Structures are given as C-alpha cells and as structure tokens.
Amino acid sequence: MTRPTEIKGRCWVIRTADGKRIDDIDTDMIFHNAHLHITDPNEMAQHAFGNLPGWEDFPEKCEEGDILVVGRNFGCGSSRQQAVDCFIALGVQAIIGESFGAIYKRNAINSGWPLLVCPGIMDTDIKNGDELKIDLEKSTVENVTKKHTYPQVEPFSSVQKDIYEAGSLFALGG
C-alpha cells in the first residue's frame, strides 16, 4: 500500500469561541464515556468532540479530508481508542498539535494515522478554513492560504513512518 507523503486539507483550529487556545483536551472531551458501548467506528463519528464546549456540532461541520490543529497535551487521559477512531471515521486526515497525550499518540500511530508535533502552531495566524499542506518527508506544514510554512514540525520516528506506510501496526506485522 502506498500512502501519501503530502496531505492537503481545510483546517479546524480548536479554540474557545473567543479565540483562546484549549490545552489538555482529554479523551472524555473527545469521545464521552457515555458512548463507550459503540463499536461501529462510523457510529462513533457523530460523537467526536461531543463533550467539548463549543465544539459539540463538529461532526456536522467536518468534511472528509479536514485537518485538526490543536494545543498542548491533546488526548490526555484514558486509553480509549474511540477518541482516535471517531476522527478517522469522520475522514479527518491528520492532527497537528503542540503536543499529545502519550497513550493517545501511541493509539493514533498504531492506527497508521498521522499526528504531527509542531510546537508553537497555536501561536501563529492559522485560522479555521485555511488550507494546509503537510509534507511528511520534509516534516513541514504549509499554510497555503497565508503562504507561510511552519518548519518546526518534528519528523516521524522510523517506527511511526513504517506503521504509517503499512497502514496500521497490524498491517505492518502481517
């Protein structure tokens, strides 16, 4: 399987209604524990950010191919895989964040889903609706709308790259 090394899409910058960054978004805010009985990823999609004030309607606004931009420690908390799967089911291509909760990051990597660490990304002029281009080989994020490149993206580890190229940890091992 050949996976793209360039990803392009519209971005959603996860901030408060008054434009402030939101750090420490935990897995319960991403996918509420009231829905843990759901096993169909397509059904999980409708509950993404269902417990994050101001973002409860995100599944209705999100489109296939969108990219999320998040603050520090995104996905902290529990090890619930649904907090990764709900975004994959929505068609979110990638998340760019200042940092990620360790278990969330590992779950996403194991799913072959790109998470990119980009310190300072929330302190830029990036806005909802901007078109972003991620280059996984060069480890850059370009804001196509604003014609600006954020070169401080941490490159994939060799393991993350292998799993991404395979499509998932299970595909890599098989």
C-alpha atoms as a PDB file:
ATOM      1  CA  MET A   1       0.000   0.000   0.000  1.00  0.00           C
ATOM      2  CA  THR A   2       1.341   3.412  -0.938  1.00  0.00           C
ATOM      3  CA  ARG A   3       0.292   6.152   1.448  1.00  0.00           C
ATOM      4  CA  PRO A   4       0.547   9.834   0.513  1.00  0.00           C
ATOM      5  CA  THR A   5       3.522  11.770   1.799  1.00  0.00           C
ATOM      6  CA  GLU A   6       1.690  15.042   1.119  1.00  0.00           C
ATOM      7  CA  ILE A   7      -1.646  15.731   2.748  1.00  0.00           C
ATOM      8  CA  LYS A   8      -3.769  18.748   1.832  1.00  0.00           C
ATOM      9  CA  GLY A   9      -6.955  19.887   3.505  1.00  0.00           C
ATOM     10  CA  ARG A  10      -9.012  22.526   5.234  1.00  0.00           C
ATOM     11  CA  CYS A  11      -8.109  23.070   8.867  1.00  0.00           C
ATOM     12  CA  TRP A  12     -10.033  23.399  12.078  1.00  0.00           C
ATOM     13  CA  VAL A  13      -8.158  25.224  14.844  1.00  0.00           C
ATOM     14  CA  ILE A  14      -9.591  24.019  18.142  1.00  0.00           C
ATOM     15  CA  ARG A  15     -10.004  27.174  20.239  1.00  0.00           C
ATOM     16  CA  THR A  16     -12.652  28.683  22.504  1.00  0.00           C
ATOM     17  CA  ALA A  17     -15.371  30.862  20.957  1.00  0.00           C
ATOM     18  CA  ASP A  18     -13.333  33.944  21.898  1.00  0.00           C
ATOM     19  CA  GLY A  19     -10.210  32.602  20.177  1.00  0.00           C
ATOM     20  CA  LYS A  20      -8.254  31.285  23.157  1.00  0.00           C
ATOM     21  CA  ARG A  21      -6.260  28.096  22.858  1.00  0.00           C
ATOM     22  CA  ILE A  22      -7.608  24.993  24.565  1.00  0.00           C
ATOM     23  CA  ASP A  23      -4.910  22.823  26.095  1.00  0.00           C
ATOM     24  CA  ASP A  24      -5.357  19.476  27.860  1.00  0.00           C
ATOM     25  CA  ILE A  25      -8.326  18.284  25.796  1.00  0.00           C
ATOM     26  CA  ASP A  26      -8.812  14.846  27.288  1.00  0.00           C
ATOM     27  CA  THR A  27     -10.235  11.711  25.735  1.00  0.00           C
ATOM     28  CA  ASP A  28     -13.550  12.219  27.549  1.00  0.00           C
ATOM     29  CA  MET A  29     -13.965  15.596  25.810  1.00  0.00           C
ATOM     30  CA  ILE A  30     -13.094  13.959  22.501  1.00  0.00           C
ATOM     31  CA  PHE A  31     -15.329  10.903  22.942  1.00  0.00           C
ATOM     32  CA  HIS A  32     -17.540  10.872  26.026  1.00  0.00           C
ATOM     33  CA  ASN A  33     -17.567   7.762  28.169  1.00  0.00           C
ATOM     34  CA  ALA A  34     -21.373   7.566  27.800  1.00  0.00           C
ATOM     35  CA  HIS A  35     -20.761   6.251  24.263  1.00  0.00           C
ATOM     36  CA  LEU A  36     -18.141   3.611  25.009  1.00  0.00           C
ATOM     37  CA  HIS A  37     -20.665   0.865  24.188  1.00  0.00           C
ATOM     38  CA  ILE A  38     -20.498   1.877  20.498  1.00  0.00           C
ATOM     39  CA  THR A  39     -18.283  -0.453  18.492  1.00  0.00           C
ATOM     40  CA  ASP A  40     -19.029   0.708  14.931  1.00  0.00           C
ATOM     41  CA  PRO A  41     -16.494   3.433  14.034  1.00  0.00           C
ATOM     42  CA  ASN A  42     -18.979   5.066  11.658  1.00  0.00           C
ATOM     43  CA  GLU A  43     -21.373   5.483  14.564  1.00  0.00           C
ATOM     44  CA  MET A  44     -18.534   6.841  16.713  1.00  0.00           C
ATOM     45  CA  ALA A  45     -18.012   9.700  14.251  1.00  0.00           C
ATOM     46  CA  GLN A  46     -21.189  11.520  15.301  1.00  0.00           C
ATOM     47  CA  HIS A  47     -19.904  11.803  18.879  1.00  0.00           C
ATOM     48  CA  ALA A  48     -16.497  13.408  18.169  1.00  0.00           C
ATOM     49  CA  PHE A  49     -15.965  16.411  20.484  1.00  0.00           C
ATOM     50  CA  GLY A  50     -19.425  15.782  21.949  1.00  0.00           C
ATOM     51  CA  ASN A  51     -18.168  16.778  25.392  1.00  0.00           C
ATOM     52  CA  LEU A  52     -16.003  19.773  24.356  1.00  0.00           C
ATOM     53  CA  PRO A  53     -17.865  23.056  24.954  1.00  0.00           C
ATOM     54  CA  GLY A  54     -18.377  24.971  21.715  1.00  0.00           C
ATOM     55  CA  TRP A  55     -17.430  22.003  19.525  1.00  0.00           C
ATOM     56  CA  GLU A  56     -20.376  19.644  20.056  1.00  0.00           C
ATOM     57  CA  ASP A  57     -21.545  20.202  16.453  1.00  0.00           C
ATOM     58  CA  PHE A  58     -18.130  19.422  14.952  1.00  0.00           C
ATOM     59  CA  PRO A  59     -19.272  16.178  13.256  1.00  0.00           C
ATOM     60  CA  GLU A  60     -21.849  18.157  11.274  1.00  0.00           C
ATOM     61  CA  LYS A  61     -19.264  20.740  10.120  1.00  0.00           C
ATOM     62  CA  CYS A  62     -16.341  18.415   9.468  1.00  0.00           C
ATOM     63  CA  GLU A  63     -15.754  17.182   5.944  1.00  0.00           C
ATOM     64  CA  GLU A  64     -13.706  14.299   4.612  1.00  0.00           C
ATOM     65  CA  GLY A  65     -10.104  15.443   4.269  1.00  0.00           C
ATOM     66  CA  ASP A  66     -10.110  18.069   7.015  1.00  0.00           C
ATOM     67  CA  ILE A  67      -7.115  18.562   9.328  1.00  0.00           C
ATOM     68  CA  LEU A  68      -7.219  19.475  13.028  1.00  0.00           C
ATOM     69  CA  VAL A  69      -4.845  21.917  14.711  1.00  0.00           C
ATOM     70  CA  VAL A  70      -4.734  21.544  18.487  1.00  0.00           C
ATOM     71  CA  GLY A  71      -2.895  22.835  21.539  1.00  0.00           C
ATOM     72  CA  ARG A  72      -0.793  21.109  24.169  1.00  0.00           C
ATOM     73  CA  ASN A  73      -1.415  17.663  25.626  1.00  0.00           C
ATOM     74  CA  PHE A  74      -4.241  16.776  23.229  1.00  0.00           C
ATOM     75  CA  GLY A  75      -5.769  13.385  24.018  1.00  0.00           C
ATOM     76  CA  CYS A  76      -4.581  13.196  27.609  1.00  0.00           C
ATOM     77  CA  GLY A  77      -6.462  10.917  29.961  1.00  0.00           C
ATOM     78  CA  SER A  78      -7.606   7.402  29.283  1.00  0.00           C
ATOM     79  CA  SER A  79      -6.508   4.918  26.674  1.00  0.00           C
ATOM     80  CA  ARG A  80      -9.825   4.875  24.812  1.00  0.00           C
ATOM     81  CA  GLN A  81      -9.239   4.026  21.163  1.00  0.00           C
ATOM     82  CA  GLN A  82     -12.606   5.577  20.264  1.00  0.00           C
ATOM     83  CA  ALA A  83     -11.025   9.018  20.731  1.00  0.00           C
ATOM     84  CA  VAL A  84      -8.831   8.232  17.705  1.00  0.00           C
ATOM     85  CA  ASP A  85     -11.355   6.185  15.734  1.00  0.00           C
ATOM     86  CA  CYS A  86     -14.087   8.845  15.827  1.00  0.00           C
ATOM     87  CA  PHE A  87     -11.880  11.271  13.881  1.00  0.00           C
ATOM     88  CA  ILE A  88     -10.711   8.620  11.432  1.00  0.00           C
ATOM     89  CA  ALA A  89     -14.375   7.732  10.805  1.00  0.00           C
ATOM     90  CA  LEU A  90     -15.133  11.421  10.132  1.00  0.00           C
ATOM     91  CA  GLY A  91     -12.399  11.449   7.485  1.00  0.00           C
ATOM     92  CA  VAL A  92     -10.022  13.751   9.384  1.00  0.00           C
ATOM     93  CA  GLN A  93      -6.688  13.206   7.608  1.00  0.00           C
ATOM     94  CA  ALA A  94      -4.306  14.299  10.350  1.00  0.00           C
ATOM     95  CA  ILE A  95      -3.893  16.269  13.555  1.00  0.00           C
ATOM     96  CA  ILE A  96      -1.192  18.879  14.040  1.00  0.00           C
ATOM     97  CA  GLY A  97      -0.628  19.691  17.689  1.00  0.00           C
ATOM     98  CA  GLU A  98       1.781  21.305  20.078  1.00  0.00           C
ATOM     99  CA  SER A  99       1.925  18.006  21.998  1.00  0.00           C
ATOM    100  CA  PHE A 100      -0.149  14.887  22.571  1.00  0.00           C
ATOM    101  CA  GLY A 101      -1.005  12.640  25.480  1.00  0.00           C
ATOM    102  CA  ALA A 102       1.360   9.657  25.298  1.00  0.00           C
ATOM    103  CA  ILE A 103      -1.304   6.951  25.057  1.00  0.00           C
ATOM    104  CA  TYR A 104      -3.370   8.916  22.537  1.00  0.00           C
ATOM    105  CA  LYS A 105      -0.307   9.441  20.367  1.00  0.00           C
ATOM    106  CA  ARG A 106       0.557   5.733  20.502  1.00  0.00           C
ATOM    107  CA  ASN A 107      -3.026   4.721  19.632  1.00  0.00           C
ATOM    108  CA  ALA A 108      -3.008   7.075  16.635  1.00  0.00           C
ATOM    109  CA  ILE A 109       0.398   5.850  15.444  1.00  0.00           C
ATOM    110  CA  ASN A 110      -0.722   2.224  15.795  1.00  0.00           C
ATOM    111  CA  SER A 111      -3.758   3.086  13.661  1.00  0.00           C
ATOM    112  CA  GLY A 112      -1.486   4.454  10.939  1.00  0.00           C
ATOM    113  CA  TRP A 113      -2.992   7.903  11.422  1.00  0.00           C
ATOM    114  CA  PRO A 114      -0.677  10.923  11.209  1.00  0.00           C
ATOM    115  CA  LEU A 115      -0.207  13.045  14.296  1.00  0.00           C
ATOM    116  CA  LEU A 116       2.359  15.789  13.861  1.00  0.00           C
ATOM    117  CA  VAL A 117       4.007  17.650  16.707  1.00  0.00           C
ATOM    118  CA  CYS A 118       4.532  21.310  15.839  1.00  0.00           C
ATOM    119  CA  PRO A 119       5.475  23.447  18.855  1.00  0.00           C
ATOM    120  CA  GLY A 120       4.077  26.968  18.618  1.00  0.00           C
ATOM    121  CA  ILE A 121       1.463  26.186  15.929  1.00  0.00           C
ATOM    122  CA  MET A 122      -1.329  27.663  18.087  1.00  0.00           C
ATOM    123  CA  ASP A 123       0.582  30.935  18.396  1.00  0.00           C
ATOM    124  CA  THR A 124       0.524  31.575  14.641  1.00  0.00           C
ATOM    125  CA  ASP A 125      -2.047  33.332  12.443  1.00  0.00           C
ATOM    126  CA  ILE A 126      -3.624  29.994  11.423  1.00  0.00           C
ATOM    127  CA  LYS A 127      -7.439  30.179  11.233  1.00  0.00           C
ATOM    128  CA  ASN A 128     -10.373  27.828  10.666  1.00  0.00           C
ATOM    129  CA  GLY A 129     -10.803  27.202   6.964  1.00  0.00           C
ATOM    130  CA  ASP A 130      -7.182  27.836   5.986  1.00  0.00           C
ATOM    131  CA  GLU A 131      -5.859  25.266   3.539  1.00  0.00           C
ATOM    132  CA  LEU A 132      -2.874  23.363   4.868  1.00  0.00           C
ATOM    133  CA  LYS A 133      -0.363  21.161   3.091  1.00  0.00           C
ATOM    134  CA  ILE A 134       1.563  18.676   5.195  1.00  0.00           C
ATOM    135  CA  ASP A 135       4.767  17.235   3.759  1.00  0.00           C
ATOM    136  CA  LEU A 136       5.630  14.132   5.768  1.00  0.00           C
ATOM    137  CA  GLU A 137       9.007  13.677   4.061  1.00  0.00           C
ATOM    138  CA  LYS A 138      10.194  17.243   4.710  1.00  0.00           C
ATOM    139  CA  SER A 139       8.410  17.482   8.088  1.00  0.00           C
ATOM    140  CA  THR A 140       6.741  20.775   7.202  1.00  0.00           C
ATOM    141  CA  VAL A 141       3.274  22.248   7.376  1.00  0.00           C
ATOM    142  CA  GLU A 142       2.458  24.946   4.856  1.00  0.00           C
ATOM    143  CA  ASN A 143      -0.476  27.294   5.277  1.00  0.00           C
ATOM    144  CA  VAL A 144      -1.374  27.547   1.588  1.00  0.00           C
ATOM    145  CA  THR A 145      -3.962  30.253   2.317  1.00  0.00           C
ATOM    146  CA  LYS A 146      -1.456  32.515   4.066  1.00  0.00           C
ATOM    147  CA  LYS A 147       1.601  31.374   2.081  1.00  0.00           C
ATOM    148  CA  HIS A 148       3.543  30.527   5.230  1.00  0.00           C
ATOM    149  CA  THR A 149       5.498  27.392   6.161  1.00  0.00           C
ATOM    150  CA  TYR A 150       5.898  26.091   9.702  1.00  0.00           C
ATOM    151  CA  PRO A 151       9.196  24.170   9.564  1.00  0.00           C
ATOM    152  CA  GLN A 152       9.335  23.266  13.243  1.00  0.00           C
ATOM    153  CA  VAL A 153       7.380  20.018  12.742  1.00  0.00           C
ATOM    154  CA  GLU A 154       9.008  17.075  14.478  1.00  0.00           C
ATOM    155  CA  PRO A 155       9.773  14.334  11.936  1.00  0.00           C
ATOM    156  CA  PHE A 156       8.117  10.945  12.209  1.00  0.00           C
ATOM    157  CA  SER A 157      10.190   8.386  14.072  1.00  0.00           C
ATOM    158  CA  SER A 158      11.272   5.439  11.928  1.00  0.00           C
ATOM    159  CA  VAL A 159       8.641   3.276  13.676  1.00  0.00           C
ATOM    160  CA  GLN A 160       5.885   5.843  13.088  1.00  0.00           C
ATOM    161  CA  LYS A 161       6.903   6.091   9.432  1.00  0.00           C
ATOM    162  CA  ASP A 162       6.883   2.296   8.976  1.00  0.00           C
ATOM    163  CA  ILE A 163       3.455   1.958  10.609  1.00  0.00           C
ATOM    164  CA  TYR A 164       2.033   4.877   8.596  1.00  0.00           C
ATOM    165  CA  GLU A 165       3.333   3.418   5.322  1.00  0.00           C
ATOM    166  CA  ALA A 166       1.895  -0.006   6.202  1.00  0.00           C
ATOM    167  CA  GLY A 167      -1.497   1.488   7.117  1.00  0.00           C
ATOM    168  CA  SER A 168      -1.529   0.281  10.736  1.00  0.00           C
ATOM    169  CA  LEU A 169       0.531  -1.680  13.240  1.00  0.00           C
ATOM    170  CA  PHE A 170      -1.466  -4.820  12.407  1.00  0.00           C
ATOM    171  CA  ALA A 171      -0.771  -4.393   8.684  1.00  0.00           C
ATOM    172  CA  LEU A 172       2.922  -3.903   9.408  1.00  0.00           C
ATOM    173  CA  GLY A 173       3.112  -7.095  11.452  1.00  0.00           C
ATOM    174  CA  GLY A 174       1.175  -9.214   8.951  1.00  0.00           C
END
